[in-house]
């Protein structure tokens, strides 16, 4: 797949996780509504495309409005809440295979408005979903989700304008800092991508790949010092 044409091309780490089958079956998209909707739409398009997942694809799935797609189930609050009976209608039928695509996407909008009963009902499906199902819980308020729900989901940030922040990113400050967060790694990755586009040097792609691997290690509670050391070695090689 040509990454520049993919629906998820604006989110390269998420695209790479999708391509390498490391994207979880249950996602929490955290961020401002408009940006979370953009990412969730791109995810839904990427997952349901019947061809190669390129923007502008004219396959049956990509030609259909995403909210009218038979394999994308969109759940929204009713009177400011999402109740158990709304989920029951959906979850009792998830054992039917997708009609058009390889995946069935269950998009829960404003997931923090799920009642406690609805979240507890959702747990079993999050734990043991059919292999073709992906849950996407969109929320600006992750604290509104039960810890048991959050622990079963992969949290993805949607709102930072990291492409813009990359212009002011200081890699030397990044390496000099003591703590290493996932957000810092994502900012570093976007800065590396900006450098590649500017210089067209493939060595920057190696650093981009290294930053993705570093994110996976950090996500698995790997040593921050070791992660930084590996990244610094690749960074120094690129800068030579």
Protein backbone atom coordinates (compact mmCIF):
# COMPACT_ATOMS: atom_id res chain seq x y z
CA UNK A 1 0.00 0.00 0.00
CA UNK A 2 1.24 3.49 -0.88
CA UNK A 3 1.03 5.18 2.50
CA UNK A 4 0.53 8.65 1.02
CA UNK A 5 -2.76 7.51 -0.56
CA UNK A 6 -4.16 5.57 2.39
CA UNK A 7 -7.17 6.84 4.29
CA UNK A 8 -5.01 6.89 7.44
CA UNK A 9 -2.06 8.68 5.84
CA UNK A 10 -2.50 11.69 8.16
CA UNK A 11 -1.95 9.38 11.14
CA UNK A 12 1.19 7.44 10.15
CA UNK A 13 1.67 5.55 13.42
CA UNK A 14 -1.93 4.37 13.37
CA UNK A 15 -1.61 3.41 9.71
CA UNK A 16 1.52 1.42 10.44
CA UNK A 17 -0.19 -0.33 13.34
CA UNK A 18 -3.05 -1.25 10.98
CA UNK A 19 -0.71 -2.51 8.28
CA UNK A 20 1.27 -4.64 10.73
CA UNK A 21 -1.89 -5.98 12.42
CA UNK A 22 -1.02 -4.32 15.73
CA UNK A 23 -4.13 -2.20 15.96
CA UNK A 24 -6.38 -3.42 18.75
CA UNK A 25 -9.86 -4.83 18.28
CA UNK A 26 -11.18 -2.18 20.69
CA UNK A 27 -10.08 1.46 20.40
CA UNK A 28 -10.82 4.58 22.42
CA UNK A 29 -10.41 7.65 20.22
CA UNK A 30 -9.71 10.52 22.60
CA UNK A 31 -9.89 14.14 21.48
CA UNK A 32 -12.05 17.01 20.38
CA UNK A 33 -15.17 15.84 18.60
CA UNK A 34 -14.36 17.14 15.13
CA UNK A 35 -10.84 15.67 15.09
CA UNK A 36 -11.98 12.39 16.65
CA UNK A 37 -14.67 12.13 13.98
CA UNK A 38 -12.08 12.68 11.23
CA UNK A 39 -9.87 9.90 12.58
CA UNK A 40 -12.78 7.52 13.19
CA UNK A 41 -14.08 8.11 9.66
CA UNK A 42 -10.62 7.40 8.25
CA UNK A 43 -10.36 4.23 10.35
CA UNK A 44 -13.79 3.06 9.24
CA UNK A 45 -12.92 3.73 5.59
CA UNK A 46 -9.57 1.94 5.90
CA UNK A 47 -11.16 -1.08 7.56
CA UNK A 48 -14.13 -1.48 5.25
CA UNK A 49 -12.50 -0.74 1.87
CA UNK A 50 -12.85 -3.76 -0.40
CA UNK A 51 -9.76 -2.86 -2.42
CA UNK A 52 -6.42 -1.41 -1.19
CA UNK A 53 -7.60 1.27 1.23
CA UNK A 54 -6.74 4.30 -0.94
CA UNK A 55 -8.53 7.63 -0.83
CA UNK A 56 -10.64 8.05 -3.93
CA UNK A 57 -11.34 4.33 -4.19
CA UNK A 58 -14.56 3.60 -6.06
CA UNK A 59 -15.31 0.18 -4.61
CA UNK A 60 -18.82 -0.52 -3.35
CA UNK A 61 -17.89 0.26 0.27
CA UNK A 62 -15.98 3.48 -0.42
CA UNK A 63 -18.76 4.75 -2.68
CA UNK A 64 -21.32 4.41 0.12
CA UNK A 65 -21.86 7.08 2.78
CA UNK A 66 -19.99 5.81 5.84
CA UNK A 67 -23.10 6.24 8.01
CA UNK A 68 -25.12 4.20 5.55
CA UNK A 69 -22.61 1.35 5.25
CA UNK A 70 -24.01 -2.06 6.29
CA UNK A 71 -20.76 -2.94 8.09
CA UNK A 72 -20.45 0.29 10.09
CA UNK A 73 -22.83 0.46 13.05
CA UNK A 74 -23.06 3.97 14.50
CA UNK A 75 -24.38 4.28 18.05
CA UNK A 76 -25.25 7.75 19.37
CA UNK A 77 -26.70 9.06 22.63
CA UNK A 78 -30.44 9.30 22.98
CA UNK A 79 -31.46 12.07 25.37
CA UNK A 80 -27.79 12.52 26.37
CA UNK A 81 -27.27 8.87 27.37
CA UNK A 82 -26.45 5.57 25.71
CA UNK A 83 -28.36 2.88 27.54
CA UNK A 84 -27.99 -0.87 27.73
CA UNK A 85 -30.99 -1.57 25.49
CA UNK A 86 -29.35 0.39 22.65
CA UNK A 87 -26.29 -1.86 22.89
CA UNK A 88 -28.33 -5.04 23.20
CA UNK A 89 -29.87 -4.53 19.77
CA UNK A 90 -26.37 -4.28 18.26
CA UNK A 91 -24.37 -6.76 20.31
CA UNK A 92 -26.90 -9.57 19.98
CA UNK A 93 -26.22 -9.52 16.23
CA UNK A 94 -22.44 -9.15 16.04
CA UNK A 95 -21.96 -12.85 15.40
CA UNK A 96 -23.20 -12.34 11.84
CA UNK A 97 -20.25 -11.80 9.46
CA UNK A 98 -19.85 -8.46 7.66
CA UNK A 99 -22.01 -8.16 4.56
CA UNK A 100 -19.55 -6.38 2.26
CA UNK A 101 -16.22 -5.94 3.98
CA UNK A 102 -13.72 -7.97 5.96
CA UNK A 103 -14.53 -6.03 9.13
CA UNK A 104 -17.58 -4.96 11.11
CA UNK A 105 -17.00 -1.56 12.76
CA UNK A 106 -19.02 -0.59 15.82
CA UNK A 107 -18.64 3.16 16.27
CA UNK A 108 -19.86 4.43 19.67
CA UNK A 109 -20.08 8.22 19.57
CA UNK A 110 -19.67 10.21 22.82
CA UNK A 111 -18.85 6.99 24.62
CA UNK A 112 -18.56 8.79 27.97
CA UNK A 113 -22.36 8.99 27.84
CA UNK A 114 -22.68 5.21 28.15
CA UNK A 115 -24.51 4.40 31.39
CA UNK A 116 -22.70 2.21 33.90
CA UNK A 117 -25.08 -0.65 33.08
CA UNK A 118 -24.34 -0.22 29.36
CA UNK A 119 -20.58 -0.23 29.96
CA UNK A 120 -20.78 -3.37 32.07
CA UNK A 121 -22.87 -5.03 29.37
CA UNK A 122 -20.26 -4.03 26.78
CA UNK A 123 -17.39 -5.64 28.70
CA UNK A 124 -17.92 -9.22 27.55
CA UNK A 125 -18.00 -8.17 23.90
CA UNK A 126 -14.80 -6.16 24.39
CA UNK A 127 -13.12 -9.19 25.95
CA UNK A 128 -14.15 -11.80 23.38
CA UNK A 129 -15.30 -10.16 20.14
CA UNK A 130 -15.54 -12.07 16.86
CA UNK A 131 -12.28 -11.75 14.93
CA UNK A 132 -13.85 -9.46 12.32
CA UNK A 133 -15.25 -6.89 14.81
CA UNK A 134 -13.57 -3.60 15.76
CA UNK A 135 -15.06 -1.40 18.48
CA UNK A 136 -14.31 2.33 18.25
CA UNK A 137 -15.32 4.36 21.30
CA UNK A 138 -15.10 8.10 20.62
CA UNK A 139 -14.91 10.46 23.57
CA UNK A 140 -13.57 13.78 24.78
CA UNK A 141 -13.78 12.53 28.38
CA UNK A 142 -12.03 9.21 28.96
CA UNK A 143 -12.66 9.59 32.70
CA UNK A 144 -16.32 8.93 31.87
CA UNK A 145 -15.41 5.34 30.96
CA UNK A 146 -15.12 2.65 33.60
CA UNK A 147 -11.52 1.55 34.33
CA UNK A 148 -12.51 -1.96 33.26
CA UNK A 149 -13.59 -0.64 29.86
CA UNK A 150 -10.49 1.51 29.38
CA UNK A 151 -8.20 -1.39 30.29
CA UNK A 152 -9.64 -3.47 27.45
CA UNK A 153 -9.12 -0.77 24.83
CA UNK A 154 -6.18 0.77 23.03
CA UNK A 155 -6.32 4.54 23.61
CA UNK A 156 -5.50 6.70 20.58
CA UNK A 157 -5.12 10.49 20.71
CA UNK A 158 -6.89 12.28 17.86
CA UNK A 159 -6.80 15.96 18.70
CA UNK A 160 -3.22 17.33 18.67
CA UNK A 161 -2.20 19.22 15.52
CA UNK A 162 1.13 17.46 15.63
CA UNK A 163 2.03 18.38 12.07
CA UNK A 164 1.99 22.05 13.10
CA UNK A 165 3.79 21.37 16.37
CA UNK A 166 6.53 19.54 14.46
CA UNK A 167 7.76 22.85 13.09
CA UNK A 168 8.70 23.99 16.62
CA UNK A 169 9.84 20.59 17.90
CA UNK A 170 13.33 20.52 19.45
CA UNK A 171 14.88 17.02 19.19
CA UNK A 172 17.78 17.93 21.49
CA UNK A 173 15.36 18.92 24.23
CA UNK A 174 13.51 15.68 23.60
CA UNK A 175 16.67 13.62 24.21
CA UNK A 176 17.75 15.78 27.17
CA UNK A 177 14.48 15.30 29.09
CA UNK A 178 14.17 12.79 31.91
CA UNK A 179 10.71 11.36 31.31
CA UNK A 180 9.46 9.90 28.04
CA UNK A 181 5.74 9.92 27.26
CA UNK A 182 3.78 8.45 24.38
CA UNK A 183 2.74 11.93 23.28
CA UNK A 184 6.39 13.04 23.14
CA UNK A 185 7.20 10.02 20.97
CA UNK A 186 4.33 10.84 18.62
CA UNK A 187 5.54 14.45 18.37
CA UNK A 188 9.04 13.16 17.64
CA UNK A 189 7.65 10.89 14.92
CA UNK A 190 5.85 13.78 13.22
CA UNK A 191 9.01 15.89 13.40
CA UNK A 192 10.98 13.07 11.75
CA UNK A 193 8.37 12.82 8.99
CA UNK A 194 8.67 16.58 8.42
CA UNK A 195 12.46 16.20 8.07
CA UNK A 196 12.05 13.40 5.56
CA UNK A 197 9.68 15.45 3.43
CA UNK A 198 12.11 18.36 3.55
CA UNK A 199 15.32 16.46 2.80
CA UNK A 200 14.04 13.35 0.95
CA UNK A 201 16.76 11.31 2.66
CA UNK A 202 15.81 7.68 3.29
CA UNK A 203 17.80 7.70 6.51
CA UNK A 204 14.96 9.72 8.04
CA UNK A 205 12.60 6.86 7.17
CA UNK A 206 14.79 4.54 9.27
CA UNK A 207 14.42 6.95 12.18
CA UNK A 208 10.67 7.09 11.60
CA UNK A 209 10.51 3.28 11.77
CA UNK A 210 12.66 3.35 14.92
CA UNK A 211 10.26 5.83 16.52
CA UNK A 212 7.34 3.48 15.81
CA UNK A 213 9.20 0.54 17.37
CA UNK A 214 10.05 2.77 20.35
CA UNK A 215 6.35 3.56 20.77
CA UNK A 216 5.55 -0.16 20.87
CA UNK A 217 8.26 -0.77 23.50
CA UNK A 218 7.03 2.14 25.62
CA UNK A 219 3.47 0.84 25.30
CA UNK A 220 4.75 -2.47 26.70
CA UNK A 221 6.40 -0.66 29.64
CA UNK A 222 9.89 -0.94 28.16
CA UNK A 223 12.87 0.92 29.62
CA UNK A 224 12.68 4.64 28.80
CA UNK A 225 16.48 4.97 29.00
CA UNK A 226 17.02 2.10 26.56
CA UNK A 227 14.39 3.47 24.17
CA UNK A 228 16.04 6.89 24.16
CA UNK A 229 19.49 5.36 23.70
CA UNK A 230 18.36 3.40 20.63
CA UNK A 231 16.63 6.43 19.14
CA UNK A 232 19.65 8.64 19.84
CA UNK A 233 21.96 6.21 18.04
CA UNK A 234 19.76 6.25 14.93
CA UNK A 235 19.33 10.03 15.19
CA UNK A 236 23.10 10.60 15.39
CA UNK A 237 23.59 8.36 12.35
CA UNK A 238 21.01 10.34 10.36
CA UNK A 239 22.60 13.67 11.31
CA UNK A 240 26.07 12.66 10.18
